[in-house]
Amino acid sequence: MSIIQPVIWMGLFGKAMNLNAIFTSNPGVPSQFAEQIMKQTFGTSDYFSYMAVGMISFVVLFTTMFSGMSIVWDRRLGFLNKVLSTPVSRGTIIFSKVLSATLRSIVQASIVILIALLFGMKLSPTFNPINILGVFAAIFLICLGLSSLFLAIAIRSTRWETQMAVVNLLNLPLMFASNTFFPTSMMPDWIQAIAKINPVTYTTDAIRQLLLYNMNVAQLVIDFTYLGIFAAIFTSIGIILSWRYLSK
């Protein structure tokens, strides 16, 4: 289901939202001018490619969301009691959940990239297959941070309804107050302020730099620096909270 949803978004929303046609179907706008407008706005002449990369962040966000939910179900079903009765440290329990969500996200993101290519995603002329390793590195960092965040929220929760309400409240601003579907530079100032601290913005930009754009190394360094700091802070918080509050 995690794969089907982004495929539907790409196949329906991505193809139906044909922003290129707004300019290219207008006989009064030269095709070269239309392509220039698209590149200035989205960094690429094809909106579908821009949006398809956003679907990678979409997959990561929703996969990490369920890492927190798994703690709630482990507690309700009694599995957490058995794990906590072993000599394994609480920090290890949390970090294993984080790594599980990270590996699932990387696999799912790889499938989404392949499907996007089948749908017609256009890679940068300067694209190198080694860039895929950078994509996985960006996904790894964002997953560490987001999984730890959702697990920290769920660490004392016993009701899945409460956890679902909280993560849905977080998912919407994380996804839409970012550059997943639209450039943040075109958004109102107050949304831009949120987007500038949103880790999804930096993840999506890093992946676009690696797959779609003529790579801006300085911007890529900024993206990875922010993601590294985000991952380090929230992973540490998750492990510290597990030492203090993770219980049967």
C-alpha atoms as a PDB file:
ATOM      1  CA  MET A   1       0.000   0.000   0.000  1.00  0.00           C
ATOM      2  CA  SER A   2       2.911   2.361   0.683  1.00  0.00           C
ATOM      3  CA  ILE A   3       4.017   1.920  -2.925  1.00  0.00           C
ATOM      4  CA  ILE A   4       0.560   2.043  -4.532  1.00  0.00           C
ATOM      5  CA  GLN A   5      -0.293   5.448  -3.059  1.00  0.00           C
ATOM      6  CA  PRO A   6       2.659   7.381  -4.548  1.00  0.00           C
ATOM      7  CA  VAL A   7       2.144   5.540  -7.851  1.00  0.00           C
ATOM      8  CA  ILE A   8      -1.452   6.807  -7.938  1.00  0.00           C
ATOM      9  CA  TRP A   9      -0.261  10.331  -7.090  1.00  0.00           C
ATOM     10  CA  MET A  10       2.299  10.239  -9.892  1.00  0.00           C
ATOM     11  CA  GLY A  11      -0.011   8.601 -12.428  1.00  0.00           C
ATOM     12  CA  LEU A  12      -3.030  10.799 -11.753  1.00  0.00           C
ATOM     13  CA  PHE A  13      -1.970  14.033 -10.058  1.00  0.00           C
ATOM     14  CA  GLY A  14       1.485  14.205 -11.640  1.00  0.00           C
ATOM     15  CA  LYS A  15       0.246  13.661 -15.174  1.00  0.00           C
ATOM     16  CA  ALA A  16      -3.051  15.559 -14.827  1.00  0.00           C
ATOM     17  CA  MET A  17      -1.310  18.598 -13.296  1.00  0.00           C
ATOM     18  CA  ASN A  18       0.423  19.300 -16.610  1.00  0.00           C
ATOM     19  CA  LEU A  19       1.780  22.772 -15.925  1.00  0.00           C
ATOM     20  CA  ASN A  20       3.907  22.600 -19.061  1.00  0.00           C
ATOM     21  CA  ALA A  21       0.734  22.701 -21.168  1.00  0.00           C
ATOM     22  CA  ILE A  22      -0.256  26.076 -19.685  1.00  0.00           C
ATOM     23  CA  PHE A  23       2.588  27.647 -21.636  1.00  0.00           C
ATOM     24  CA  THR A  24       3.232  25.268 -24.545  1.00  0.00           C
ATOM     25  CA  SER A  25      -0.447  25.125 -25.601  1.00  0.00           C
ATOM     26  CA  ASN A  26      -0.574  28.928 -25.860  1.00  0.00           C
ATOM     27  CA  PRO A  27       0.312  29.873 -29.457  1.00  0.00           C
ATOM     28  CA  GLY A  28       1.412  33.324 -28.314  1.00  0.00           C
ATOM     29  CA  VAL A  29       4.177  31.889 -26.111  1.00  0.00           C
ATOM     30  CA  PRO A  30       7.286  30.557 -27.916  1.00  0.00           C
ATOM     31  CA  SER A  31       8.285  27.057 -26.807  1.00  0.00           C
ATOM     32  CA  GLN A  32      11.764  28.232 -25.755  1.00  0.00           C
ATOM     33  CA  PHE A  33      10.235  30.941 -23.574  1.00  0.00           C
ATOM     34  CA  ALA A  34       7.825  28.432 -22.017  1.00  0.00           C
ATOM     35  CA  GLU A  35      10.696  26.091 -21.187  1.00  0.00           C
ATOM     36  CA  GLN A  36      12.663  28.961 -19.655  1.00  0.00           C
ATOM     37  CA  ILE A  37       9.735  29.883 -17.392  1.00  0.00           C
ATOM     38  CA  MET A  38       9.432  26.285 -16.187  1.00  0.00           C
ATOM     39  CA  LYS A  39      13.157  26.065 -15.452  1.00  0.00           C
ATOM     40  CA  GLN A  40      13.159  29.377 -13.575  1.00  0.00           C
ATOM     41  CA  THR A  41      10.172  28.287 -11.487  1.00  0.00           C
ATOM     42  CA  PHE A  42      10.828  24.583 -10.896  1.00  0.00           C
ATOM     43  CA  GLY A  43      14.473  24.152 -11.834  1.00  0.00           C
ATOM     44  CA  THR A  44      13.428  21.696 -14.559  1.00  0.00           C
ATOM     45  CA  SER A  45      11.360  22.004 -17.720  1.00  0.00           C
ATOM     46  CA  ASP A  46       9.107  19.079 -16.713  1.00  0.00           C
ATOM     47  CA  TYR A  47       6.728  19.447 -13.763  1.00  0.00           C
ATOM     48  CA  PHE A  48       6.132  15.697 -13.541  1.00  0.00           C
ATOM     49  CA  SER A  49       9.835  15.124 -12.845  1.00  0.00           C
ATOM     50  CA  TYR A  50       9.742  17.822 -10.161  1.00  0.00           C
ATOM     51  CA  MET A  51       6.699  16.249  -8.524  1.00  0.00           C
ATOM     52  CA  ALA A  52       7.979  12.656  -8.873  1.00  0.00           C
ATOM     53  CA  VAL A  53      11.009  13.456  -6.711  1.00  0.00           C
ATOM     54  CA  GLY A  54       8.612  14.912  -4.138  1.00  0.00           C
ATOM     55  CA  MET A  55       6.956  11.483  -4.011  1.00  0.00           C
ATOM     56  CA  ILE A  56      10.180  10.053  -2.603  1.00  0.00           C
ATOM     57  CA  SER A  57       9.839  12.361   0.403  1.00  0.00           C
ATOM     58  CA  PHE A  58       6.151  11.432   0.526  1.00  0.00           C
ATOM     59  CA  VAL A  59       7.044   7.735   0.878  1.00  0.00           C
ATOM     60  CA  VAL A  60       9.684   8.443   3.513  1.00  0.00           C
ATOM     61  CA  LEU A  61       7.311  10.570   5.569  1.00  0.00           C
ATOM     62  CA  PHE A  62       4.541   7.994   5.711  1.00  0.00           C
ATOM     63  CA  THR A  63       6.863   5.043   6.309  1.00  0.00           C
ATOM     64  CA  THR A  64       8.541   6.725   9.273  1.00  0.00           C
ATOM     65  CA  MET A  65       5.128   7.661  10.637  1.00  0.00           C
ATOM     66  CA  PHE A  66       4.344   3.989  11.230  1.00  0.00           C
ATOM     67  CA  SER A  67       7.556   3.394  13.143  1.00  0.00           C
ATOM     68  CA  GLY A  68       5.943   5.166  16.095  1.00  0.00           C
ATOM     69  CA  MET A  69       2.719   3.250  15.580  1.00  0.00           C
ATOM     70  CA  SER A  70       4.588  -0.064  15.881  1.00  0.00           C
ATOM     71  CA  ILE A  71       5.615   0.776  19.475  1.00  0.00           C
ATOM     72  CA  VAL A  72       1.963   1.324  20.384  1.00  0.00           C
ATOM     73  CA  TRP A  73       0.912  -2.033  18.924  1.00  0.00           C
ATOM     74  CA  ASP A  74       3.884  -3.839  20.481  1.00  0.00           C
ATOM     75  CA  ARG A  75       2.741  -2.544  23.857  1.00  0.00           C
ATOM     76  CA  ARG A  76      -0.923  -3.448  23.289  1.00  0.00           C
ATOM     77  CA  LEU A  77      -0.126  -6.963  22.043  1.00  0.00           C
ATOM     78  CA  GLY A  78       2.349  -7.706  24.840  1.00  0.00           C
ATOM     79  CA  PHE A  79       5.388  -8.051  22.573  1.00  0.00           C
ATOM     80  CA  LEU A  80       7.088  -5.017  24.126  1.00  0.00           C
ATOM     81  CA  ASN A  81       6.899  -6.632  27.575  1.00  0.00           C
ATOM     82  CA  LYS A  82       8.877  -9.631  26.306  1.00  0.00           C
ATOM     83  CA  VAL A  83      11.515  -7.428  24.678  1.00  0.00           C
ATOM     84  CA  LEU A  84      11.910  -5.254  27.780  1.00  0.00           C
ATOM     85  CA  SER A  85      12.427  -8.356  29.933  1.00  0.00           C
ATOM     86  CA  THR A  86      15.576  -9.237  27.971  1.00  0.00           C
ATOM     87  CA  PRO A  87      19.061  -7.749  28.634  1.00  0.00           C
ATOM     88  CA  VAL A  88      18.767  -5.606  25.481  1.00  0.00           C
ATOM     89  CA  SER A  89      19.041  -1.896  26.282  1.00  0.00           C
ATOM     90  CA  ARG A  90      16.070   0.382  25.695  1.00  0.00           C
ATOM     91  CA  GLY A  91      18.115   2.564  23.376  1.00  0.00           C
ATOM     92  CA  THR A  92      18.805  -0.458  21.184  1.00  0.00           C
ATOM     93  CA  ILE A  93      15.073  -1.214  20.969  1.00  0.00           C
ATOM     94  CA  ILE A  94      14.337   2.286  19.727  1.00  0.00           C
ATOM     95  CA  PHE A  95      17.286   2.397  17.343  1.00  0.00           C
ATOM     96  CA  SER A  96      16.287  -0.955  15.817  1.00  0.00           C
ATOM     97  CA  LYS A  97      12.848   0.503  15.075  1.00  0.00           C
ATOM     98  CA  VAL A  98      14.520   3.509  13.469  1.00  0.00           C
ATOM     99  CA  LEU A  99      16.782   1.363  11.285  1.00  0.00           C
ATOM    100  CA  SER A 100      13.843  -0.839  10.283  1.00  0.00           C
ATOM    101  CA  ALA A 101      11.886   2.188   9.045  1.00  0.00           C
ATOM    102  CA  THR A 102      15.008   3.503   7.307  1.00  0.00           C
ATOM    103  CA  LEU A 103      15.623   0.293   5.368  1.00  0.00           C
ATOM    104  CA  ARG A 104      11.969   0.061   4.340  1.00  0.00           C
ATOM    105  CA  SER A 105      12.044   3.669   3.160  1.00  0.00           C
ATOM    106  CA  ILE A 106      15.166   3.118   1.045  1.00  0.00           C
ATOM    107  CA  VAL A 107      13.646   0.053  -0.629  1.00  0.00           C
ATOM    108  CA  GLN A 108      10.333   1.803  -1.275  1.00  0.00           C
ATOM    109  CA  ALA A 109      12.048   4.961  -2.536  1.00  0.00           C
ATOM    110  CA  SER A 110      14.075   2.848  -4.992  1.00  0.00           C
ATOM    111  CA  ILE A 111      10.867   1.351  -6.365  1.00  0.00           C
ATOM    112  CA  VAL A 112       9.272   4.806  -6.656  1.00  0.00           C
ATOM    113  CA  ILE A 113      12.296   6.092  -8.613  1.00  0.00           C
ATOM    114  CA  LEU A 114      12.061   3.176 -11.047  1.00  0.00           C
ATOM    115  CA  ILE A 115       8.323   3.701 -11.535  1.00  0.00           C
ATOM    116  CA  ALA A 116       8.852   7.449 -12.007  1.00  0.00           C
ATOM    117  CA  LEU A 117      11.395   6.703 -14.735  1.00  0.00           C
ATOM    118  CA  LEU A 118       8.838   4.454 -16.441  1.00  0.00           C
ATOM    119  CA  PHE A 119       6.295   7.288 -16.235  1.00  0.00           C
ATOM    120  CA  GLY A 120       8.749   9.638 -17.932  1.00  0.00           C
ATOM    121  CA  MET A 121      10.831  11.375 -15.251  1.00  0.00           C
ATOM    122  CA  LYS A 122      13.682  13.253 -16.931  1.00  0.00           C
ATOM    123  CA  LEU A 123      17.055  13.029 -15.245  1.00  0.00           C
ATOM    124  CA  SER A 124      19.640  15.785 -15.406  1.00  0.00           C
ATOM    125  CA  PRO A 125      22.100  15.616 -18.347  1.00  0.00           C
ATOM    126  CA  THR A 126      24.868  15.598 -15.723  1.00  0.00           C
ATOM    127  CA  PHE A 127      23.323  12.703 -13.788  1.00  0.00           C
ATOM    128  CA  ASN A 128      25.755  10.022 -12.677  1.00  0.00           C
ATOM    129  CA  PRO A 129      24.646   6.613 -11.293  1.00  0.00           C
ATOM    130  CA  ILE A 130      26.838   7.321  -8.252  1.00  0.00           C
ATOM    131  CA  ASN A 131      24.363  10.091  -7.377  1.00  0.00           C
ATOM    132  CA  ILE A 132      21.950   7.355  -6.296  1.00  0.00           C
ATOM    133  CA  LEU A 133      24.200   6.760  -3.286  1.00  0.00           C
ATOM    134  CA  GLY A 134      23.694  10.407  -2.349  1.00  0.00           C
ATOM    135  CA  VAL A 135      19.923   9.935  -2.659  1.00  0.00           C
ATOM    136  CA  PHE A 136      20.091   6.972  -0.269  1.00  0.00           C
ATOM    137  CA  ALA A 137      22.246   9.013   2.128  1.00  0.00           C
ATOM    138  CA  ALA A 138      19.652  11.820   2.200  1.00  0.00           C
ATOM    139  CA  ILE A 139      16.858   9.294   2.795  1.00  0.00           C
ATOM    140  CA  PHE A 140      18.899   7.631   5.547  1.00  0.00           C
ATOM    141  CA  LEU A 141      19.378  10.910   7.429  1.00  0.00           C
ATOM    142  CA  ILE A 142      15.777  12.090   7.171  1.00  0.00           C
ATOM    143  CA  CYS A 143      14.542   8.649   8.274  1.00  0.00           C
ATOM    144  CA  LEU A 144      16.786   8.686  11.338  1.00  0.00           C
ATOM    145  CA  GLY A 145      15.360  12.031  12.407  1.00  0.00           C
ATOM    146  CA  LEU A 146      11.688  11.493  11.559  1.00  0.00           C
ATOM    147  CA  SER A 147      11.517   7.925  12.917  1.00  0.00           C
ATOM    148  CA  SER A 148      13.069   9.074  16.171  1.00  0.00           C
ATOM    149  CA  LEU A 149      10.600  11.967  16.336  1.00  0.00           C
ATOM    150  CA  PHE A 150       7.547   9.748  15.840  1.00  0.00           C
ATOM    151  CA  LEU A 151       8.901   7.131  18.247  1.00  0.00           C
ATOM    152  CA  ALA A 152       9.539   9.795  20.895  1.00  0.00           C
ATOM    153  CA  ILE A 153       5.913  10.899  20.549  1.00  0.00           C
ATOM    154  CA  ALA A 154       4.656   7.307  20.874  1.00  0.00           C
ATOM    155  CA  ILE A 155       6.990   6.173  23.631  1.00  0.00           C
ATOM    156  CA  ARG A 156       4.352   6.504  26.395  1.00  0.00           C
ATOM    157  CA  SER A 157       1.239   6.129  24.269  1.00  0.00           C
ATOM    158  CA  THR A 158      -1.152   3.199  24.735  1.00  0.00           C
ATOM    159  CA  ARG A 159      -3.875   4.321  22.320  1.00  0.00           C
ATOM    160  CA  TRP A 160      -3.318   4.073  18.569  1.00  0.00           C
ATOM    161  CA  GLU A 161      -6.059   6.661  17.999  1.00  0.00           C
ATOM    162  CA  THR A 162      -4.020   9.286  19.858  1.00  0.00           C
ATOM    163  CA  GLN A 163      -0.886   8.418  17.933  1.00  0.00           C
ATOM    164  CA  MET A 164      -2.691   8.591  14.568  1.00  0.00           C
ATOM    165  CA  ALA A 165      -4.153  11.985  15.445  1.00  0.00           C
ATOM    166  CA  VAL A 166      -0.756  13.386  16.406  1.00  0.00           C
ATOM    167  CA  VAL A 167       1.162  12.073  13.390  1.00  0.00           C
ATOM    168  CA  ASN A 168      -1.531  13.186  10.954  1.00  0.00           C
ATOM    169  CA  LEU A 169      -1.355  16.627  12.515  1.00  0.00           C
ATOM    170  CA  LEU A 170       2.401  16.661  11.861  1.00  0.00           C
ATOM    171  CA  ASN A 171       2.360  15.028   8.419  1.00  0.00           C
ATOM    172  CA  LEU A 172       0.258  17.673   6.694  1.00  0.00           C
ATOM    173  CA  PRO A 173       2.477  20.678   7.535  1.00  0.00           C
ATOM    174  CA  LEU A 174       5.632  18.611   6.973  1.00  0.00           C
ATOM    175  CA  MET A 175       4.474  17.677   3.481  1.00  0.00           C
ATOM    176  CA  PHE A 176       2.685  20.795   2.258  1.00  0.00           C
ATOM    177  CA  ALA A 177       4.881  23.413   3.970  1.00  0.00           C
ATOM    178  CA  SER A 178       7.802  22.134   1.932  1.00  0.00           C
ATOM    179  CA  ASN A 179       8.908  21.970  -1.678  1.00  0.00           C
ATOM    180  CA  THR A 180       7.371  18.529  -2.247  1.00  0.00           C
ATOM    181  CA  PHE A 181       4.833  19.776  -4.797  1.00  0.00           C
ATOM    182  CA  PHE A 182       5.659  23.444  -5.297  1.00  0.00           C
ATOM    183  CA  PRO A 183       8.683  25.758  -4.929  1.00  0.00           C
ATOM    184  CA  THR A 184       8.823  27.414  -1.535  1.00  0.00           C
ATOM    185  CA  SER A 185       9.951  30.674  -3.149  1.00  0.00           C
ATOM    186  CA  MET A 186       6.439  31.067  -4.598  1.00  0.00           C
ATOM    187  CA  MET A 187       4.696  30.561  -1.247  1.00  0.00           C
ATOM    188  CA  PRO A 188       3.534  33.245   1.230  1.00  0.00           C
ATOM    189  CA  ASP A 189       6.223  34.512   3.583  1.00  0.00           C
ATOM    190  CA  TRP A 190       4.801  32.775   6.667  1.00  0.00           C
ATOM    191  CA  ILE A 191       4.821  29.381   4.903  1.00  0.00           C
ATOM    192  CA  GLN A 192       8.355  30.030   3.653  1.00  0.00           C
ATOM    193  CA  ALA A 193       9.424  30.534   7.270  1.00  0.00           C
ATOM    194  CA  ILE A 194       8.075  27.060   8.120  1.00  0.00           C
ATOM    195  CA  ALA A 195       9.608  25.518   4.998  1.00  0.00           C
ATOM    196  CA  LYS A 196      13.057  26.852   5.920  1.00  0.00           C
ATOM    197  CA  ILE A 197      13.111  24.719   9.086  1.00  0.00           C
ATOM    198  CA  ASN A 198      11.266  21.773   7.567  1.00  0.00           C
ATOM    199  CA  PRO A 199      13.656  18.806   7.054  1.00  0.00           C
ATOM    200  CA  VAL A 200      11.478  17.518   4.191  1.00  0.00           C
ATOM    201  CA  THR A 201      12.396  20.661   2.230  1.00  0.00           C
ATOM    202  CA  TYR A 202      16.115  19.912   2.527  1.00  0.00           C
ATOM    203  CA  THR A 203      15.639  16.221   1.711  1.00  0.00           C
ATOM    204  CA  THR A 204      13.629  16.933  -1.426  1.00  0.00           C
ATOM    205  CA  ASP A 205      16.053  19.625  -2.566  1.00  0.00           C
ATOM    206  CA  ALA A 206      19.047  17.318  -2.042  1.00  0.00           C
ATOM    207  CA  ILE A 207      17.414  14.554  -4.107  1.00  0.00           C
ATOM    208  CA  ARG A 208      16.502  17.023  -6.869  1.00  0.00           C
ATOM    209  CA  GLN A 209      20.078  18.310  -6.908  1.00  0.00           C
ATOM    210  CA  LEU A 210      21.258  14.729  -7.381  1.00  0.00           C
ATOM    211  CA  LEU A 211      18.655  13.597  -9.941  1.00  0.00           C
ATOM    212  CA  LEU A 212      17.197  16.595 -11.792  1.00  0.00           C
ATOM    213  CA  TYR A 213      19.260  19.754 -11.495  1.00  0.00           C
ATOM    214  CA  ASN A 214      22.689  20.806 -12.633  1.00  0.00           C
ATOM    215  CA  MET A 215      24.170  20.149  -9.240  1.00  0.00           C
ATOM    216  CA  ASN A 216      24.802  23.120  -6.960  1.00  0.00           C
ATOM    217  CA  VAL A 217      27.480  21.688  -4.664  1.00  0.00           C
ATOM    218  CA  ALA A 218      27.194  24.516  -2.120  1.00  0.00           C
ATOM    219  CA  GLN A 219      23.437  24.017  -1.783  1.00  0.00           C
ATOM    220  CA  LEU A 220      23.895  20.249  -1.564  1.00  0.00           C
ATOM    221  CA  VAL A 221      26.348  20.694   1.306  1.00  0.00           C
ATOM    222  CA  ILE A 222      23.818  22.905   3.116  1.00  0.00           C
ATOM    223  CA  ASP A 223      21.092  20.283   2.606  1.00  0.00           C
ATOM    224  CA  PHE A 224      23.188  17.431   3.971  1.00  0.00           C
ATOM    225  CA  THR A 225      24.505  19.520   6.864  1.00  0.00           C
ATOM    226  CA  TYR A 226      20.972  20.378   7.956  1.00  0.00           C
ATOM    227  CA  LEU A 227      19.816  16.772   7.590  1.00  0.00           C
ATOM    228  CA  GLY A 228      22.823  15.520   9.539  1.00  0.00           C
ATOM    229  CA  ILE A 229      22.139  17.917  12.412  1.00  0.00           C
ATOM    230  CA  PHE A 230      18.420  17.067  12.357  1.00  0.00           C
ATOM    231  CA  ALA A 231      19.155  13.318  12.447  1.00  0.00           C
ATOM    232  CA  ALA A 232      21.729  13.637  15.249  1.00  0.00           C
ATOM    233  CA  ILE A 233      19.478  15.763  17.475  1.00  0.00           C
ATOM    234  CA  PHE A 234      16.297  13.729  17.168  1.00  0.00           C
ATOM    235  CA  THR A 235      18.009  10.330  17.291  1.00  0.00           C
ATOM    236  CA  SER A 236      19.702  11.399  20.513  1.00  0.00           C
ATOM    237  CA  ILE A 237      16.396  12.656  21.917  1.00  0.00           C
ATOM    238  CA  GLY A 238      14.671   9.382  21.009  1.00  0.00           C
ATOM    239  CA  ILE A 239      17.334   7.259  22.682  1.00  0.00           C
ATOM    240  CA  ILE A 240      17.471   9.451  25.811  1.00  0.00           C
ATOM    241  CA  LEU A 241      13.690   9.369  26.166  1.00  0.00           C
ATOM    242  CA  SER A 242      13.710   5.584  25.751  1.00  0.00           C
ATOM    243  CA  TRP A 243      16.146   5.286  28.672  1.00  0.00           C
ATOM    244  CA  ARG A 244      13.844   7.308  30.876  1.00  0.00           C
ATOM    245  CA  TYR A 245      10.299   6.549  29.758  1.00  0.00           C
ATOM    246  CA  LEU A 246      10.126   3.326  27.722  1.00  0.00           C
ATOM    247  CA  SER A 247       8.239   0.882  29.903  1.00  0.00           C
ATOM    248  CA  LYS A 248       5.818  -1.980  29.766  1.00  0.00           C
END
